[in-house]
C-alpha atoms as a PDB file:
ATOM      1  CA  VAL A   1     -38.107  -8.555 -89.952  1.00  0.00           C
ATOM      2  CA  VAL A   2     -39.136  -6.394 -92.872  1.00  0.00           C
ATOM      3  CA  ARG A   3     -42.875  -7.517 -92.421  1.00  0.00           C
ATOM      4  CA  SER A   4     -42.830  -6.775 -88.718  1.00  0.00           C
ATOM      5  CA  CYS A   5     -41.275  -3.114 -89.579  1.00  0.00           C
ATOM      6  CA  LEU A   6     -43.858  -2.472 -92.141  1.00  0.00           C
ATOM      7  CA  LEU A   7     -46.704  -3.394 -89.974  1.00  0.00           C
ATOM      8  CA  MET A   8     -45.314  -1.271 -87.319  1.00  0.00           C
ATOM      9  CA  ILE A   9     -44.988   1.659 -89.528  1.00  0.00           C
ATOM     10  CA  SER A  10     -48.569   0.910 -90.515  1.00  0.00           C
ATOM     11  CA  VAL A  11     -49.807   1.116 -86.879  1.00  0.00           C
ATOM     12  CA  PHE A  12     -47.835   4.374 -86.289  1.00  0.00           C
ATOM     13  CA  ILE A  13     -49.609   5.959 -89.486  1.00  0.00           C
ATOM     14  CA  THR A  14     -52.978   4.560 -88.358  1.00  0.00           C
ATOM     15  CA  ILE A  15     -52.635   5.823 -84.683  1.00  0.00           C
ATOM     16  CA  THR A  16     -51.667   9.167 -85.841  1.00  0.00           C
ATOM     17  CA  THR A  17     -54.140   9.532 -88.463  1.00  0.00           C
ATOM     18  CA  ILE A  18     -57.296   8.349 -86.378  1.00  0.00           C
ATOM     19  CA  PRO A  19     -57.304  11.309 -83.892  1.00  0.00           C
ATOM     20  CA  MET A  20     -56.599  13.992 -86.669  1.00  0.00           C
ATOM     21  CA  TYR A  21     -59.398  12.585 -88.996  1.00  0.00           C
ATOM     22  CA  ALA A  22     -61.725  12.202 -85.971  1.00  0.00           C
ATOM     23  CA  LEU A  23     -61.236  16.054 -85.362  1.00  0.00           C
ATOM     24  CA  VAL A  24     -61.932  17.015 -88.757  1.00  0.00           C
ATOM     25  CA  VAL A  25     -65.274  14.870 -88.802  1.00  0.00           C
ATOM     26  CA  ILE A  26     -66.288  16.169 -85.419  1.00  0.00           C
ATOM     27  CA  PHE A  27     -65.622  19.934 -86.681  1.00  0.00           C
ATOM     28  CA  ILE A  28     -67.651  19.202 -89.824  1.00  0.00           C
ATOM     29  CA  ILE A  29     -70.498  17.768 -87.785  1.00  0.00           C
ATOM     30  CA  GLY A  30     -70.469  20.590 -85.478  1.00  0.00           C
ATOM     31  CA  GLU A  31     -70.624  23.299 -88.293  1.00  0.00           C
ATOM     32  CA  GLN A  32     -74.010  24.495 -89.266  1.00  0.00           C
ATOM     33  CA  TYR A  33     -74.234  25.256 -93.040  1.00  0.00           C
ATOM     34  CA  GLN A  34     -76.494  27.944 -94.411  1.00  0.00           C
ATOM     35  CA  CYS A  35     -77.255  26.841 -97.859  1.00  0.00           C
ATOM     36  CA  ARG A  36     -78.268  23.451 -99.326  1.00  0.00           C
ATOM     37  CA  PHE A  37     -75.119  23.233-101.555  1.00  0.00           C
ATOM     38  CA  GLU A  38     -72.785  23.068 -98.546  1.00  0.00           C
ATOM     39  CA  ARG A  39     -75.060  20.878 -96.465  1.00  0.00           C
ATOM     40  CA  THR A  40     -75.356  18.369 -99.405  1.00  0.00           C
ATOM     41  CA  PHE A  41     -71.307  18.377 -99.771  1.00  0.00           C
ATOM     42  CA  TYR A  42     -70.649  18.201 -96.233  1.00  0.00           C
ATOM     43  CA  ALA A  43     -73.172  15.602 -95.480  1.00  0.00           C
ATOM     44  CA  ILE A  44     -71.256  13.178 -98.033  1.00  0.00           C
ATOM     45  CA  VAL A  45     -67.933  14.213 -96.629  1.00  0.00           C
ATOM     46  CA  LYS A  46     -69.332  13.169 -93.016  1.00  0.00           C
ATOM     47  CA  VAL A  47     -70.629  10.041 -94.071  1.00  0.00           C
ATOM     48  CA  GLY A  48     -67.337   9.107 -95.810  1.00  0.00           C
ATOM     49  CA  GLY A  49     -65.374  10.194 -92.837  1.00  0.00           C
ATOM     50  CA  ILE A  50     -67.215   8.375 -90.175  1.00  0.00           C
ATOM     51  CA  SER A  51     -66.910   5.085 -92.619  1.00  0.00           C
ATOM     52  CA  ASP A  52     -62.919   5.837 -92.969  1.00  0.00           C
ATOM     53  CA  ILE A  53     -62.673   6.180 -89.181  1.00  0.00           C
ATOM     54  CA  ILE A  54     -64.239   2.624 -88.750  1.00  0.00           C
ATOM     55  CA  SER A  55     -62.062   1.269 -91.325  1.00  0.00           C
ATOM     56  CA  LEU A  56     -58.959   2.622 -89.693  1.00  0.00           C
ATOM     57  CA  PHE A  57     -59.976   1.052 -86.321  1.00  0.00           C
ATOM     58  CA  GLY A  58     -60.690  -2.333 -88.073  1.00  0.00           C
ATOM     59  CA  ASN A  59     -57.217  -2.149 -89.865  1.00  0.00           C
ATOM     60  CA  LEU A  60     -55.727  -1.154 -86.602  1.00  0.00           C
ATOM     61  CA  ILE A  61     -56.985  -4.130 -84.680  1.00  0.00           C
ATOM     62  CA  TYR A  62     -56.194  -6.495 -87.567  1.00  0.00           C
ATOM     63  CA  ILE A  63     -52.737  -5.395 -87.830  1.00  0.00           C
ATOM     64  CA  LEU A  64     -52.231  -5.574 -83.872  1.00  0.00           C
ATOM     65  CA  SER A  65     -53.450  -9.080 -84.106  1.00  0.00           C
ATOM     66  CA  LEU A  66     -51.030  -9.877 -86.782  1.00  0.00           C
ATOM     67  CA  LEU A  67     -48.164  -8.493 -84.741  1.00  0.00           C
ATOM     68  CA  ASN A  68     -49.477 -10.787 -81.688  1.00  0.00           C
ATOM     69  CA  PHE A  69     -50.086  -7.497 -79.644  1.00  0.00           C
ATOM     70  CA  ILE A  70     -53.637  -8.543 -78.987  1.00  0.00           C
ATOM     71  CA  HIS A  71     -55.174 -11.899 -79.090  1.00  0.00           C
ATOM     72  CA  LEU A  72     -58.563 -12.199 -80.781  1.00  0.00           C
ATOM     73  CA  PRO A  73     -60.723 -15.091 -79.712  1.00  0.00           C
ATOM     74  CA  TYR A  74     -62.235 -17.127 -82.506  1.00  0.00           C
ATOM     75  CA  THR A  75     -59.562 -15.778 -84.947  1.00  0.00           C
ATOM     76  CA  GLY A  76     -61.023 -17.006 -88.128  1.00  0.00           C
ATOM     77  CA  ILE A  77     -64.435 -15.418 -87.337  1.00  0.00           C
ATOM     78  CA  CYS A  78     -62.801 -12.084 -86.090  1.00  0.00           C
ATOM     79  CA  SER A  79     -60.495 -12.137 -89.048  1.00  0.00           C
ATOM     80  CA  GLN A  80     -63.620 -12.557 -91.487  1.00  0.00           C
ATOM     81  CA  VAL A  81     -65.304  -9.777 -89.546  1.00  0.00           C
ATOM     82  CA  LEU A  82     -62.306  -7.611 -89.851  1.00  0.00           C
ATOM     83  CA  ASN A  83     -61.943  -8.202 -93.730  1.00  0.00           C
ATOM     84  CA  GLY A  84     -65.542  -7.369 -94.060  1.00  0.00           C
ATOM     85  CA  ILE A  85     -65.235  -4.196 -92.305  1.00  0.00           C
ATOM     86  CA  LYS A  86     -62.158  -3.454 -94.430  1.00  0.00           C
ATOM     87  CA  TRP A  87     -63.893  -4.148 -97.750  1.00  0.00           C
ATOM     88  CA  SER A  88     -67.282  -2.610 -97.089  1.00  0.00           C
ATOM     89  CA  SER A  89     -65.489   0.547 -95.896  1.00  0.00           C
ATOM     90  CA  ARG A  90     -63.487   0.542 -99.243  1.00  0.00           C
ATOM     91  CA  ALA A  91     -66.540   0.273-101.216  1.00  0.00           C
ATOM     92  CA  SER A  92     -68.166   3.139 -99.049  1.00  0.00           C
ATOM     93  CA  THR A  93     -64.978   5.335 -99.567  1.00  0.00           C
ATOM     94  CA  ASN A  94     -65.293   4.637-103.357  1.00  0.00           C
ATOM     95  CA  LEU A  95     -68.957   5.530-103.410  1.00  0.00           C
ATOM     96  CA  THR A  96     -68.149   8.662-101.286  1.00  0.00           C
ATOM     97  CA  ASP A  97     -65.478   9.591-103.813  1.00  0.00           C
ATOM     98  CA  PHE A  98     -67.934   9.166-106.739  1.00  0.00           C
ATOM     99  CA  LEU A  99     -70.525  11.081-105.115  1.00  0.00           C
ATOM    100  CA  ILE A 100     -68.457  14.104-104.230  1.00  0.00           C
ATOM    101  CA  SER A 101     -67.021  14.021-107.883  1.00  0.00           C
ATOM    102  CA  PHE A 102     -70.554  14.014-109.247  1.00  0.00           C
ATOM    103  CA  HIS A 103     -71.566  16.867-106.902  1.00  0.00           C
ATOM    104  CA  ARG A 104     -68.618  18.902-108.296  1.00  0.00           C
ATOM    105  CA  VAL A 105     -69.155  18.003-111.812  1.00  0.00           C
ATOM    106  CA  SER A 106     -72.818  18.751-111.468  1.00  0.00           C
ATOM    107  CA  ALA A 107     -72.001  22.071-109.878  1.00  0.00           C
ATOM    108  CA  MET A 108     -69.583  22.960-112.923  1.00  0.00           C
ATOM    109  CA  MET A 109     -71.758  21.529-115.645  1.00  0.00           C
ATOM    110  CA  LEU A 110     -75.265  22.835-114.296  1.00  0.00           C
ATOM    111  CA  PRO A 111     -74.320  26.169-112.635  1.00  0.00           C
ATOM    112  CA  LEU A 112     -77.749  27.765-112.987  1.00  0.00           C
ATOM    113  CA  THR A 113     -79.316  24.602-111.157  1.00  0.00           C
ATOM    114  CA  HIS A 114     -76.844  24.721-108.335  1.00  0.00           C
ATOM    115  CA  LYS A 115     -77.355  28.637-108.048  1.00  0.00           C
ATOM    116  CA  PHE A 116     -80.984  27.960-107.736  1.00  0.00           C
ATOM    117  CA  VAL A 117     -80.471  25.373-105.158  1.00  0.00           C
ATOM    118  CA  VAL A 118     -77.851  27.382-103.203  1.00  0.00           C
ATOM    119  CA  PHE A 119     -80.024  30.462-102.949  1.00  0.00           C
ATOM    120  CA  GLN A 120     -83.283  28.876-102.397  1.00  0.00           C
ATOM    121  CA  LYS A 121     -84.392  29.140 -98.718  1.00  0.00           C
END
């Protein structure tokens, strides 16, 4: 009973997160940024956001299969594919976080270099 309740809460959170995150990513993709500094930062955020949305869909499908709301044919293979999506998206999220952090640290530690890149056309 507790497991089912936790899985249902997870489904609810995932279902509400996907559209909000998708809107953020769509907005970022639609924006045109003027300087290279913004383009680099938001390019990293776009790739990470798309990876996160794929991960959320993979998790949603996996949880729904655990709750027996959907039936996956070839359960073993589908489970392995969904686990692969989960773990690869986690690695992608970690890489995205690292790149954003590196971008921010390099902006603080090398402000003249970033100023040159930002104002160069």
